[in-house]
């Protein structure tokens, strides 16, 4: 799990205009400007993706675990990750590769 200072409160992002977005097969990433010296990440997994809260939390945990390697690579900005329902059919190794491709040119 990411330390609290790297987690983005989702309620603070709703209604803000994103700087730019990136889309992959299983993610939609929205990047927002931030005044903090570090990046923050927020993840949205809807009930259409996983009906049970346990499944949604497992998806979030696996993404947060994969994001720990990108904390130092990304400049100070807020990143909102919206998960697609295609994540159920994808192995965890593919999730890490998709994140790597999304953060490659940031």
PDB file of N, CA and C in Angstrom:
ATOM      1  N   UNK A   1       0.838  -1.177   0.000  1.00  0.00           N
ATOM      2  CA  UNK A   1       0.000   0.000   0.000  1.00  0.00           C
ATOM      3  C   UNK A   1       0.886   1.245   0.000  1.00  0.00           C
ATOM      4  N   UNK A   2       0.460   2.240  -0.695  1.00  0.00           N
ATOM      5  CA  UNK A   2       1.193   3.487  -0.756  1.00  0.00           C
ATOM      6  C   UNK A   2       1.050   4.260   0.550  1.00  0.00           C
ATOM      7  N   UNK A   3       2.081   4.993   0.937  1.00  0.00           N
ATOM      8  CA  UNK A   3       1.925   5.883   2.087  1.00  0.00           C
ATOM      9  C   UNK A   3       0.828   6.918   1.824  1.00  0.00           C
ATOM     10  N   UNK A   4       0.245   7.438   2.878  1.00  0.00           N
ATOM     11  CA  UNK A   4      -0.912   8.318   2.751  1.00  0.00           C
ATOM     12  C   UNK A   4      -0.602   9.580   1.945  1.00  0.00           C
ATOM     13  N   UNK A   5       0.617  10.090   2.029  1.00  0.00           N
ATOM     14  CA  UNK A   5       0.921  11.326   1.310  1.00  0.00           C
ATOM     15  C   UNK A   5       0.912  11.133  -0.206  1.00  0.00           C
ATOM     16  N   UNK A   6       0.997   9.886  -0.674  1.00  0.00           N
ATOM     17  CA  UNK A   6       0.956   9.603  -2.102  1.00  0.00           C
ATOM     18  C   UNK A   6      -0.435   9.208  -2.599  1.00  0.00           C
ATOM     19  N   UNK A   7      -1.422   9.163  -1.714  1.00  0.00           N
ATOM     20  CA  UNK A   7      -2.779   8.805  -2.122  1.00  0.00           C
ATOM     21  C   UNK A   7      -3.607  10.058  -2.380  1.00  0.00           C
ATOM     22  N   UNK A   8      -4.342  10.047  -3.439  1.00  0.00           N
ATOM     23  CA  UNK A   8      -5.143  11.186  -3.864  1.00  0.00           C
ATOM     24  C   UNK A   8      -6.574  11.023  -3.366  1.00  0.00           C
ATOM     25  N   UNK A   9      -7.091  12.010  -2.623  1.00  0.00           N
ATOM     26  CA  UNK A   9      -8.510  11.931  -2.243  1.00  0.00           C
ATOM     27  C   UNK A   9      -9.375  12.172  -3.480  1.00  0.00           C
ATOM     28  N   UNK A  10     -10.173  11.195  -3.827  1.00  0.00           N
ATOM     29  CA  UNK A  10     -10.948  11.233  -5.073  1.00  0.00           C
ATOM     30  C   UNK A  10     -11.930  12.404  -5.080  1.00  0.00           C
ATOM     31  N   UNK A  11     -12.512  12.743  -3.929  1.00  0.00           N
ATOM     32  CA  UNK A  11     -13.494  13.817  -3.872  1.00  0.00           C
ATOM     33  C   UNK A  11     -12.889  15.163  -4.265  1.00  0.00           C
ATOM     34  N   UNK A  12     -11.600  15.350  -4.051  1.00  0.00           N
ATOM     35  CA  UNK A  12     -10.951  16.597  -4.415  1.00  0.00           C
ATOM     36  C   UNK A  12     -10.706  16.743  -5.898  1.00  0.00           C
ATOM     37  N   UNK A  13     -10.797  15.665  -6.626  1.00  0.00           N
ATOM     38  CA  UNK A  13     -10.500  15.683  -8.061  1.00  0.00           C
ATOM     39  C   UNK A  13     -11.762  15.882  -8.892  1.00  0.00           C
ATOM     40  N   UNK A  14     -12.879  15.443  -8.377  1.00  0.00           N
ATOM     41  CA  UNK A  14     -14.128  15.516  -9.132  1.00  0.00           C
ATOM     42  C   UNK A  14     -14.452  16.980  -9.420  1.00  0.00           C
ATOM     43  N   UNK A  15     -14.670  17.281 -10.670  1.00  0.00           N
ATOM     44  CA  UNK A  15     -15.004  18.628 -11.086  1.00  0.00           C
ATOM     45  C   UNK A  15     -13.812  19.425 -11.589  1.00  0.00           C
ATOM     46  N   UNK A  16     -12.599  18.947 -11.359  1.00  0.00           N
ATOM     47  CA  UNK A  16     -11.414  19.640 -11.866  1.00  0.00           C
ATOM     48  C   UNK A  16     -11.148  19.233 -13.307  1.00  0.00           C
ATOM     49  N   UNK A  17     -10.577  20.118 -14.063  1.00  0.00           N
ATOM     50  CA  UNK A  17     -10.235  19.822 -15.454  1.00  0.00           C
ATOM     51  C   UNK A  17      -8.854  19.179 -15.495  1.00  0.00           C
ATOM     52  N   UNK A  18      -8.762  18.054 -16.190  1.00  0.00           N
ATOM     53  CA  UNK A  18      -7.487  17.340 -16.265  1.00  0.00           C
ATOM     54  C   UNK A  18      -6.551  18.036 -17.255  1.00  0.00           C
ATOM     55  N   UNK A  19      -5.265  17.905 -16.979  1.00  0.00           N
ATOM     56  CA  UNK A  19      -4.241  18.481 -17.846  1.00  0.00           C
ATOM     57  C   UNK A  19      -4.151  17.704 -19.145  1.00  0.00           C
ATOM     58  N   UNK A  20      -4.092  16.369 -19.030  1.00  0.00           N
ATOM     59  CA  UNK A  20      -4.150  15.489 -20.193  1.00  0.00           C
ATOM     60  C   UNK A  20      -4.547  14.101 -19.723  1.00  0.00           C
ATOM     61  N   UNK A  21      -4.931  13.253 -20.666  1.00  0.00           N
ATOM     62  CA  UNK A  21      -5.349  11.891 -20.347  1.00  0.00           C
ATOM     63  C   UNK A  21      -4.581  10.913 -21.218  1.00  0.00           C
ATOM     64  N   UNK A  22      -4.486   9.692 -20.711  1.00  0.00           N
ATOM     65  CA  UNK A  22      -3.910   8.588 -21.482  1.00  0.00           C
ATOM     66  C   UNK A  22      -4.839   7.393 -21.326  1.00  0.00           C
ATOM     67  N   UNK A  23      -4.959   6.620 -22.389  1.00  0.00           N
ATOM     68  CA  UNK A  23      -5.854   5.465 -22.360  1.00  0.00           C
ATOM     69  C   UNK A  23      -5.099   4.225 -22.781  1.00  0.00           C
ATOM     70  N   UNK A  24      -5.324   3.142 -22.050  1.00  0.00           N
ATOM     71  CA  UNK A  24      -4.802   1.840 -22.439  1.00  0.00           C
ATOM     72  C   UNK A  24      -5.990   0.886 -22.496  1.00  0.00           C
ATOM     73  N   UNK A  25      -5.718  -0.397 -22.659  1.00  0.00           N
ATOM     74  CA  UNK A  25      -6.805  -1.371 -22.759  1.00  0.00           C
ATOM     75  C   UNK A  25      -7.594  -1.499 -21.458  1.00  0.00           C
ATOM     76  N   UNK A  26      -6.917  -1.350 -20.339  1.00  0.00           N
ATOM     77  CA  UNK A  26      -7.587  -1.579 -19.055  1.00  0.00           C
ATOM     78  C   UNK A  26      -7.628  -0.351 -18.154  1.00  0.00           C
ATOM     79  N   UNK A  27      -7.011   0.752 -18.558  1.00  0.00           N
ATOM     80  CA  UNK A  27      -6.961   1.954 -17.732  1.00  0.00           C
ATOM     81  C   UNK A  27      -7.321   3.196 -18.524  1.00  0.00           C
ATOM     82  N   UNK A  28      -7.836   4.184 -17.811  1.00  0.00           N
ATOM     83  CA  UNK A  28      -7.923   5.551 -18.286  1.00  0.00           C
ATOM     84  C   UNK A  28      -7.227   6.381 -17.218  1.00  0.00           C
ATOM     85  N   UNK A  29      -6.144   7.054 -17.580  1.00  0.00           N
ATOM     86  CA  UNK A  29      -5.373   7.850 -16.634  1.00  0.00           C
ATOM     87  C   UNK A  29      -5.619   9.322 -16.908  1.00  0.00           C
ATOM     88  N   UNK A  30      -5.982  10.062 -15.858  1.00  0.00           N
ATOM     89  CA  UNK A  30      -6.173  11.500 -15.949  1.00  0.00           C
ATOM     90  C   UNK A  30      -5.115  12.165 -15.089  1.00  0.00           C
ATOM     91  N   UNK A  31      -4.422  13.132 -15.654  1.00  0.00           N
ATOM     92  CA  UNK A  31      -3.344  13.830 -14.975  1.00  0.00           C
ATOM     93  C   UNK A  31      -3.805  15.250 -14.655  1.00  0.00           C
ATOM     94  N   UNK A  32      -3.605  15.670 -13.407  1.00  0.00           N
ATOM     95  CA  UNK A  32      -4.010  16.984 -12.940  1.00  0.00           C
ATOM     96  C   UNK A  32      -2.791  17.730 -12.410  1.00  0.00           C
ATOM     97  N   UNK A  33      -2.834  19.053 -12.495  1.00  0.00           N
ATOM     98  CA  UNK A  33      -1.766  19.867 -11.916  1.00  0.00           C
ATOM     99  C   UNK A  33      -1.823  19.769 -10.398  1.00  0.00           C
ATOM    100  N   UNK A  34      -0.662  19.891  -9.762  1.00  0.00           N
ATOM    101  CA  UNK A  34      -0.579  19.822  -8.313  1.00  0.00           C
ATOM    102  C   UNK A  34       0.457  20.806  -7.814  1.00  0.00           C
ATOM    103  N   UNK A  35       0.235  21.349  -6.638  1.00  0.00           N
ATOM    104  CA  UNK A  35       1.200  22.266  -6.033  1.00  0.00           C
ATOM    105  C   UNK A  35       2.116  21.552  -5.048  1.00  0.00           C
ATOM    106  N   UNK A  36       1.877  20.276  -4.800  1.00  0.00           N
ATOM    107  CA  UNK A  36       2.697  19.515  -3.869  1.00  0.00           C
ATOM    108  C   UNK A  36       4.013  19.104  -4.529  1.00  0.00           C
ATOM    109  N   UNK A  37       5.058  18.846  -3.741  1.00  0.00           N
ATOM    110  CA  UNK A  37       6.352  18.466  -4.328  1.00  0.00           C
ATOM    111  C   UNK A  37       6.425  17.003  -4.772  1.00  0.00           C
ATOM    112  N   UNK A  38       5.364  16.235  -4.568  1.00  0.00           N
ATOM    113  CA  UNK A  38       5.362  14.819  -4.953  1.00  0.00           C
ATOM    114  C   UNK A  38       4.058  14.500  -5.687  1.00  0.00           C
ATOM    115  N   UNK A  39       4.031  13.359  -6.343  1.00  0.00           N
ATOM    116  CA  UNK A  39       2.834  12.942  -7.063  1.00  0.00           C
ATOM    117  C   UNK A  39       1.883  12.206  -6.123  1.00  0.00           C
ATOM    118  N   UNK A  40       0.603  12.197  -6.495  1.00  0.00           N
ATOM    119  CA  UNK A  40      -0.416  11.458  -5.743  1.00  0.00           C
ATOM    120  C   UNK A  40      -1.230  10.636  -6.732  1.00  0.00           C
ATOM    121  N   UNK A  41      -1.692   9.469  -6.264  1.00  0.00           N
ATOM    122  CA  UNK A  41      -2.444   8.551  -7.119  1.00  0.00           C
ATOM    123  C   UNK A  41      -3.796   8.242  -6.496  1.00  0.00           C
ATOM    124  N   UNK A  42      -4.821   8.211  -7.331  1.00  0.00           N
ATOM    125  CA  UNK A  42      -6.146   7.787  -6.915  1.00  0.00           C
ATOM    126  C   UNK A  42      -6.657   6.753  -7.898  1.00  0.00           C
ATOM    127  N   UNK A  43      -7.420   5.788  -7.398  1.00  0.00           N
ATOM    128  CA  UNK A  43      -7.921   4.704  -8.244  1.00  0.00           C
ATOM    129  C   UNK A  43      -9.425   4.605  -8.079  1.00  0.00           C
ATOM    130  N   UNK A  44     -10.119   4.497  -9.209  1.00  0.00           N
ATOM    131  CA  UNK A  44     -11.564   4.294  -9.197  1.00  0.00           C
ATOM    132  C   UNK A  44     -11.854   2.945  -9.841  1.00  0.00           C
ATOM    133  N   UNK A  45     -12.496   2.078  -9.066  1.00  0.00           N
ATOM    134  CA  UNK A  45     -12.952   0.783  -9.559  1.00  0.00           C
ATOM    135  C   UNK A  45     -14.452   0.742  -9.301  1.00  0.00           C
ATOM    136  N   UNK A  46     -15.251   0.779 -10.352  1.00  0.00           N
ATOM    137  CA  UNK A  46     -16.691   0.857 -10.180  1.00  0.00           C
ATOM    138  C   UNK A  46     -17.301  -0.510  -9.888  1.00  0.00           C
ATOM    139  N   UNK A  47     -18.552  -0.495  -9.514  1.00  0.00           N
ATOM    140  CA  UNK A  47     -19.257  -1.748  -9.227  1.00  0.00           C
ATOM    141  C   UNK A  47     -19.500  -2.560 -10.489  1.00  0.00           C
ATOM    142  N   UNK A  48     -19.459  -1.929 -11.652  1.00  0.00           N
ATOM    143  CA  UNK A  48     -19.608  -2.679 -12.896  1.00  0.00           C
ATOM    144  C   UNK A  48     -18.361  -3.507 -13.193  1.00  0.00           C
ATOM    145  N   UNK A  49     -17.225  -3.078 -12.680  1.00  0.00           N
ATOM    146  CA  UNK A  49     -15.977  -3.822 -12.875  1.00  0.00           C
ATOM    147  C   UNK A  49     -15.964  -5.027 -11.949  1.00  0.00           C
ATOM    148  N   UNK A  50     -16.260  -4.810 -10.662  1.00  0.00           N
ATOM    149  CA  UNK A  50     -16.289  -5.886  -9.674  1.00  0.00           C
ATOM    150  C   UNK A  50     -17.440  -5.604  -8.714  1.00  0.00           C
ATOM    151  N   UNK A  51     -18.344  -6.539  -8.613  1.00  0.00           N
ATOM    152  CA  UNK A  51     -19.547  -6.324  -7.820  1.00  0.00           C
ATOM    153  C   UNK A  51     -19.266  -6.298  -6.318  1.00  0.00           C
ATOM    154  N   UNK A  52     -18.327  -7.110  -5.869  1.00  0.00           N
ATOM    155  CA  UNK A  52     -18.042  -7.202  -4.439  1.00  0.00           C
ATOM    156  C   UNK A  52     -16.930  -6.226  -4.048  1.00  0.00           C
ATOM    157  N   UNK A  53     -17.068  -5.654  -2.867  1.00  0.00           N
ATOM    158  CA  UNK A  53     -16.069  -4.706  -2.365  1.00  0.00           C
ATOM    159  C   UNK A  53     -14.714  -5.375  -2.178  1.00  0.00           C
ATOM    160  N   UNK A  54     -14.715  -6.647  -1.821  1.00  0.00           N
ATOM    161  CA  UNK A  54     -13.460  -7.376  -1.632  1.00  0.00           C
ATOM    162  C   UNK A  54     -12.685  -7.430  -2.948  1.00  0.00           C
ATOM    163  N   UNK A  55     -13.383  -7.690  -4.043  1.00  0.00           N
ATOM    164  CA  UNK A  55     -12.728  -7.754  -5.348  1.00  0.00           C
ATOM    165  C   UNK A  55     -12.208  -6.385  -5.770  1.00  0.00           C
ATOM    166  N   UNK A  56     -13.005  -5.328  -5.533  1.00  0.00           N
ATOM    167  CA  UNK A  56     -12.564  -3.980  -5.885  1.00  0.00           C
ATOM    168  C   UNK A  56     -11.319  -3.586  -5.094  1.00  0.00           C
ATOM    169  N   UNK A  57     -11.289  -3.929  -3.815  1.00  0.00           N
ATOM    170  CA  UNK A  57     -10.131  -3.605  -2.982  1.00  0.00           C
ATOM    171  C   UNK A  57      -8.894  -4.395  -3.398  1.00  0.00           C
ATOM    172  N   UNK A  58      -9.072  -5.645  -3.822  1.00  0.00           N
ATOM    173  CA  UNK A  58      -7.931  -6.428  -4.306  1.00  0.00           C
ATOM    174  C   UNK A  58      -7.342  -5.808  -5.568  1.00  0.00           C
ATOM    175  N   UNK A  59      -8.205  -5.337  -6.447  1.00  0.00           N
ATOM    176  CA  UNK A  59      -7.736  -4.673  -7.669  1.00  0.00           C
ATOM    177  C   UNK A  59      -6.966  -3.411  -7.307  1.00  0.00           C
ATOM    178  N   UNK A  60      -7.508  -2.615  -6.385  1.00  0.00           N
ATOM    179  CA  UNK A  60      -6.831  -1.387  -5.967  1.00  0.00           C
ATOM    180  C   UNK A  60      -5.478  -1.691  -5.342  1.00  0.00           C
ATOM    181  N   UNK A  61      -5.428  -2.706  -4.487  1.00  0.00           N
ATOM    182  CA  UNK A  61      -4.169  -3.054  -3.832  1.00  0.00           C
ATOM    183  C   UNK A  61      -3.103  -3.478  -4.837  1.00  0.00           C
ATOM    184  N   UNK A  62      -3.508  -4.265  -5.829  1.00  0.00           N
ATOM    185  CA  UNK A  62      -2.528  -4.716  -6.823  1.00  0.00           C
ATOM    186  C   UNK A  62      -2.021  -3.548  -7.666  1.00  0.00           C
ATOM    187  N   UNK A  63      -2.888  -2.588  -7.966  1.00  0.00           N
ATOM    188  CA  UNK A  63      -2.454  -1.416  -8.736  1.00  0.00           C
ATOM    189  C   UNK A  63      -1.557  -0.533  -7.884  1.00  0.00           C
ATOM    190  N   UNK A  64      -1.931  -0.308  -6.618  1.00  0.00           N
ATOM    191  CA  UNK A  64      -1.084   0.493  -5.727  1.00  0.00           C
ATOM    192  C   UNK A  64       0.296  -0.140  -5.567  1.00  0.00           C
ATOM    193  N   UNK A  65       0.333  -1.453  -5.492  1.00  0.00           N
ATOM    194  CA  UNK A  65       1.609  -2.154  -5.369  1.00  0.00           C
ATOM    195  C   UNK A  65       2.465  -1.939  -6.620  1.00  0.00           C
ATOM    196  N   UNK A  66       1.843  -1.980  -7.780  1.00  0.00           N
ATOM    197  CA  UNK A  66       2.576  -1.759  -9.024  1.00  0.00           C
ATOM    198  C   UNK A  66       3.022  -0.299  -9.156  1.00  0.00           C
ATOM    199  N   UNK A  67       2.271   0.634  -8.561  1.00  0.00           N
ATOM    200  CA  UNK A  67       2.602   2.049  -8.668  1.00  0.00           C
ATOM    201  C   UNK A  67       3.799   2.458  -7.819  1.00  0.00           C
ATOM    202  N   UNK A  68       4.180   1.667  -6.854  1.00  0.00           N
ATOM    203  CA  UNK A  68       5.275   2.045  -5.970  1.00  0.00           C
ATOM    204  C   UNK A  68       6.577   2.266  -6.730  1.00  0.00           C
ATOM    205  N   UNK A  69       6.739   1.624  -7.855  1.00  0.00           N
ATOM    206  CA  UNK A  69       7.965   1.817  -8.637  1.00  0.00           C
ATOM    207  C   UNK A  69       7.953   3.123  -9.417  1.00  0.00           C
ATOM    208  N   UNK A  70       6.782   3.717  -9.632  1.00  0.00           N
ATOM    209  CA  UNK A  70       6.669   4.920 -10.454  1.00  0.00           C
ATOM    210  C   UNK A  70       6.603   6.204  -9.645  1.00  0.00           C
ATOM    211  N   UNK A  71       6.666   6.116  -8.329  1.00  0.00           N
ATOM    212  CA  UNK A  71       6.545   7.312  -7.488  1.00  0.00           C
ATOM    213  C   UNK A  71       7.639   8.323  -7.822  1.00  0.00           C
ATOM    214  N   UNK A  72       8.849   7.856  -7.997  1.00  0.00           N
ATOM    215  CA  UNK A  72       9.959   8.776  -8.256  1.00  0.00           C
ATOM    216  C   UNK A  72      10.056   9.193  -9.719  1.00  0.00           C
ATOM    217  N   UNK A  73       9.450   8.461 -10.618  1.00  0.00           N
ATOM    218  CA  UNK A  73       9.550   8.747 -12.044  1.00  0.00           C
ATOM    219  C   UNK A  73       8.638   9.888 -12.488  1.00  0.00           C
ATOM    220  N   UNK A  74       7.528  10.076 -11.805  1.00  0.00           N
ATOM    221  CA  UNK A  74       6.512  11.024 -12.241  1.00  0.00           C
ATOM    222  C   UNK A  74       6.723  12.362 -11.538  1.00  0.00           C
ATOM    223  N   UNK A  75       6.663  13.470 -12.280  1.00  0.00           N
ATOM    224  CA  UNK A  75       6.791  14.780 -11.636  1.00  0.00           C
ATOM    225  C   UNK A  75       5.592  15.057 -10.727  1.00  0.00           C
ATOM    226  N   UNK A  76       5.633  16.159 -10.028  1.00  0.00           N
ATOM    227  CA  UNK A  76       4.575  16.455  -9.058  1.00  0.00           C
ATOM    228  C   UNK A  76       3.264  16.757  -9.784  1.00  0.00           C
ATOM    229  N   UNK A  77       2.400  15.797  -9.790  1.00  0.00           N
ATOM    230  CA  UNK A  77       1.060  15.938 -10.348  1.00  0.00           C
ATOM    231  C   UNK A  77       0.156  14.897  -9.714  1.00  0.00           C
ATOM    232  N   UNK A  78      -1.135  15.110  -9.863  1.00  0.00           N
ATOM    233  CA  UNK A  78      -2.120  14.165  -9.368  1.00  0.00           C
ATOM    234  C   UNK A  78      -2.553  13.266 -10.517  1.00  0.00           C
ATOM    235  N   UNK A  79      -2.607  11.963 -10.253  1.00  0.00           N
ATOM    236  CA  UNK A  79      -2.960  10.990 -11.285  1.00  0.00           C
ATOM    237  C   UNK A  79      -4.186  10.215 -10.809  1.00  0.00           C
ATOM    238  N   UNK A  80      -5.242  10.237 -11.605  1.00  0.00           N
ATOM    239  CA  UNK A  80      -6.450   9.475 -11.318  1.00  0.00           C
ATOM    240  C   UNK A  80      -6.512   8.320 -12.304  1.00  0.00           C
ATOM    241  N   UNK A  81      -6.617   7.100 -11.785  1.00  0.00           N
ATOM    242  CA  UNK A  81      -6.658   5.900 -12.612  1.00  0.00           C
ATOM    243  C   UNK A  81      -8.063   5.327 -12.545  1.00  0.00           C
ATOM    244  N   UNK A  82      -8.720   5.267 -13.679  1.00  0.00           N
ATOM    245  CA  UNK A  82     -10.060   4.687 -13.766  1.00  0.00           C
ATOM    246  C   UNK A  82      -9.907   3.328 -14.437  1.00  0.00           C
ATOM    247  N   UNK A  83     -10.375   2.291 -13.750  1.00  0.00           N
ATOM    248  CA  UNK A  83     -10.157   0.920 -14.188  1.00  0.00           C
ATOM    249  C   UNK A  83     -11.324   0.457 -15.056  1.00  0.00           C
ATOM    250  N   UNK A  84     -11.003  -0.212 -16.156  1.00  0.00           N
ATOM    251  CA  UNK A  84     -11.993  -0.780 -17.060  1.00  0.00           C
ATOM    252  C   UNK A  84     -12.354  -2.204 -16.629  1.00  0.00           C
ATOM    253  N   UNK A  85     -13.467  -2.693 -17.104  1.00  0.00           N
ATOM    254  CA  UNK A  85     -13.895  -4.048 -16.752  1.00  0.00           C
ATOM    255  C   UNK A  85     -13.020  -5.118 -17.398  1.00  0.00           C
ATOM    256  N   UNK A  86     -12.164  -4.744 -18.336  1.00  0.00           N
ATOM    257  CA  UNK A  86     -11.262  -5.704 -18.979  1.00  0.00           C
ATOM    258  C   UNK A  86     -10.162  -6.183 -18.040  1.00  0.00           C
ATOM    259  N   UNK A  87     -10.028  -5.572 -16.884  1.00  0.00           N
ATOM    260  CA  UNK A  87      -8.960  -5.948 -15.954  1.00  0.00           C
ATOM    261  C   UNK A  87      -9.171  -7.342 -15.380  1.00  0.00           C
ATOM    262  N   UNK A  88     -10.384  -7.837 -15.407  1.00  0.00           N
ATOM    263  CA  UNK A  88     -10.660  -9.188 -14.885  1.00  0.00           C
ATOM    264  C   UNK A  88      -9.983 -10.273 -15.718  1.00  0.00           C
ATOM    265  N   UNK A  89      -9.840 -10.020 -17.020  1.00  0.00           N
ATOM    266  CA  UNK A  89      -9.278 -11.026 -17.917  1.00  0.00           C
ATOM    267  C   UNK A  89      -7.770 -10.914 -18.077  1.00  0.00           C
ATOM    268  N   UNK A  90      -7.149  -9.963 -17.391  1.00  0.00           N
ATOM    269  CA  UNK A  90      -5.728  -9.674 -17.582  1.00  0.00           C
ATOM    270  C   UNK A  90      -4.927 -10.161 -16.374  1.00  0.00           C
ATOM    271  N   UNK A  91      -3.815 -10.872 -16.597  1.00  0.00           N
ATOM    272  CA  UNK A  91      -2.970 -11.274 -15.458  1.00  0.00           C
ATOM    273  C   UNK A  91      -2.237 -10.071 -14.858  1.00  0.00           C
ATOM    274  N   UNK A  92      -1.735 -10.238 -13.636  1.00  0.00           N
ATOM    275  CA  UNK A  92      -1.092  -9.137 -12.929  1.00  0.00           C
ATOM    276  C   UNK A  92       0.154  -8.624 -13.651  1.00  0.00           C
ATOM    277  N   UNK A  93       0.871  -9.495 -14.324  1.00  0.00           N
ATOM    278  CA  UNK A  93       2.061  -9.061 -15.063  1.00  0.00           C
ATOM    279  C   UNK A  93       1.681  -8.090 -16.182  1.00  0.00           C
ATOM    280  N   UNK A  94       0.550  -8.330 -16.806  1.00  0.00           N
ATOM    281  CA  UNK A  94       0.081  -7.443 -17.872  1.00  0.00           C
ATOM    282  C   UNK A  94      -0.341  -6.085 -17.310  1.00  0.00           C
ATOM    283  N   UNK A  95      -0.884  -6.064 -16.100  1.00  0.00           N
ATOM    284  CA  UNK A  95      -1.265  -4.802 -15.459  1.00  0.00           C
ATOM    285  C   UNK A  95      -0.033  -3.924 -15.279  1.00  0.00           C
ATOM    286  N   UNK A  96       1.054  -4.525 -14.825  1.00  0.00           N
ATOM    287  CA  UNK A  96       2.294  -3.778 -14.614  1.00  0.00           C
ATOM    288  C   UNK A  96       2.830  -3.244 -15.939  1.00  0.00           C
ATOM    289  N   UNK A  97       2.758  -4.042 -16.994  1.00  0.00           N
ATOM    290  CA  UNK A  97       3.225  -3.587 -18.308  1.00  0.00           C
ATOM    291  C   UNK A  97       2.373  -2.437 -18.849  1.00  0.00           C
ATOM    292  N   UNK A  98       1.059  -2.526 -18.650  1.00  0.00           N
ATOM    293  CA  UNK A  98       0.160  -1.451 -19.108  1.00  0.00           C
ATOM    294  C   UNK A  98       0.460  -0.146 -18.378  1.00  0.00           C
ATOM    295  N   UNK A  99       0.706  -0.225 -17.058  1.00  0.00           N
ATOM    296  CA  UNK A  99       1.048   0.971 -16.295  1.00  0.00           C
ATOM    297  C   UNK A  99       2.368   1.558 -16.763  1.00  0.00           C
ATOM    298  N   UNK A 100       3.327   0.692 -17.038  1.00  0.00           N
ATOM    299  CA  UNK A 100       4.632   1.145 -17.511  1.00  0.00           C
ATOM    300  C   UNK A 100       4.507   1.894 -18.828  1.00  0.00           C
ATOM    301  N   UNK A 101       3.693   1.388 -19.734  1.00  0.00           N
ATOM    302  CA  UNK A 101       3.495   2.052 -21.015  1.00  0.00           C
ATOM    303  C   UNK A 101       2.810   3.405 -20.844  1.00  0.00           C
ATOM    304  N   UNK A 102       1.863   3.477 -19.910  1.00  0.00           N
ATOM    305  CA  UNK A 102       1.160   4.738 -19.692  1.00  0.00           C
ATOM    306  C   UNK A 102       2.062   5.808 -19.078  1.00  0.00           C
ATOM    307  N   UNK A 103       2.975   5.420 -18.204  1.00  0.00           N
ATOM    308  CA  UNK A 103       3.831   6.383 -17.528  1.00  0.00           C
ATOM    309  C   UNK A 103       5.147   6.633 -18.253  1.00  0.00           C
ATOM    310  N   UNK A 104       5.355   5.987 -19.384  1.00  0.00           N
ATOM    311  CA  UNK A 104       6.634   6.091 -20.085  1.00  0.00           C
ATOM    312  C   UNK A 104       6.908   7.512 -20.580  1.00  0.00           C
ATOM    313  N   UNK A 105       5.964   8.182 -21.160  1.00  0.00           N
ATOM    314  CA  UNK A 105       6.189   9.504 -21.760  1.00  0.00           C
ATOM    315  C   UNK A 105       5.563  10.640 -20.969  1.00  0.00           C
ATOM    316  N   UNK A 106       5.481  10.509 -19.672  1.00  0.00           N
ATOM    317  CA  UNK A 106       4.845  11.566 -18.871  1.00  0.00           C
ATOM    318  C   UNK A 106       5.811  12.643 -18.547  1.00  0.00           C
TER     319      UNK A 106
END
